[in-house]
Amino acid sequence: MAEQLKNMFGPEMVHRAAETISAVYSGFDVAGFTDAALDGFEDLELTPRCHHIADAMAIFLPRDRERAINILVDSLGPELENCDPADASPSGVPMIDDNPMSGFFYTPHGYFLADHGGEHFEAVMRANYEITKRATSEFSIRTPLRDHTAATLDVLGGWATDENVHVRRLVSEGTRPRLPWSFRLRTFQDDPAPVLALLEVLKDDPVAYVRRSVANNLNDIAKDHPEVVVGVARRWSTDADNNRRRLIRHALRTLIKAGDAQALDVIGYGATSPARVVDVSIEPPVVLIGEKLKIEITIHNPSKEPCGVLVDLRVHFVKANGSTAAKVFKGSELQLDPGTSGAIRKTISVAQHSTRTHYPGEHAVDVMINGSAQRVGEFSLLG
């Protein structure tokens, strides 16, 4: 995926940047900028390409950095529609045109702010505000969050109620402690309270695009402070509508997958479920690497009350050194009336993947009912 994204962000982005900047700054050396930006460009990955273009901007824009920032703002194209974007790149960044990487066109502009505009806080924040209405400033806003934390949080507090959906979404996405493709915000990993205060404002945003970002931020926080996020989710569950319930479920996804009992309890799957495994089928019992395995589990509710059951499968894959590593496969949710049963079926590929290498050996299989694991069988994998 990274290689594909890199190839979509090619030299045309440099030429486009030169064209848009020169249209508003007559002193811009188009040829010099283009040569500098493309020097070594092909050997760079996606993010380094964006930083490389930003460095070329720094050479050919005015040394007066506030003036340079204003030139970049003047060069920006039309704003995105103020609505939930129908199209987004593989990272979730809105697309400007049919090129999946079009939304990244302004990433070098943001990196210019982050790498070369640090002394001009107000100008940098104003530029981030304008850029995010055309793509996203989720990467470039992190430098002022790191270096001018209190001042940036104060600005974001106002942006959390901005009329523009992309600005509101920036507040939640840019403050994620573990935002992919960016450095971690260690301050918020240690103490997420300032971020949670912003998410409190955004949790019932009318646009799903923003609410998904709130959920992703909470999911990040849960990796460092699971008990805090469970507490927030439990509080938000009171009088929650369907939108907020979906947000909570998405926010707890990592904890749910790990079988966290408190997180499962929040979404209605307590550890005291009466449901029981009554039948297991693992076929074939001996499978070759490259083939597929079919698992069917029958769950029964022997009680006199209905019960909800969240059923996942956990396979202990053999590693190269003979030890095992568990991987959870999402199963399904069952609502079982008294005395009734339900089945889940899962097909698992044991082909070699870029993210998982298979090795011969005995592989144990667990069923997880509301996070509680039970060994139900095994299969042999042959090379």
Foldseek 3Di string as FASTA:
>chain_A
DQVVLQVLPDLVLLLVVLVLLCVQPVQFPSVQLSCQLCVCLVVDTDVVSLQSSLVSLCVRADVPVLVSLVSVLNSDDDFDPQAQAPDAAPLRKHAPDPRSCNLCSCVSVLSNCLPPVVVPVVSNVVSQQSSLRHIHNLASLLSCCQVVVVVSLVVLLVQCPDSGPSSVLSLLSSQQQCRPPHHGNVVCLVPVVSSVVSLVSQCVPVHLSSLLSSLVSLLSNCVRVVVVSLVVLLVCLVVHDPSNLVSLCSNCVVVQQQLPQSSLVSNFQHPPQQKDWDDKDWPPQEEEQQAKIKIKTKIWRQDQAKGKKFKKKWKFAADPVRHTDIDIGGWDMDTDHHGDMDMTMDMGHRYQDPVDDHDWDKMWMWMAISSRTDTDGIGTYDD
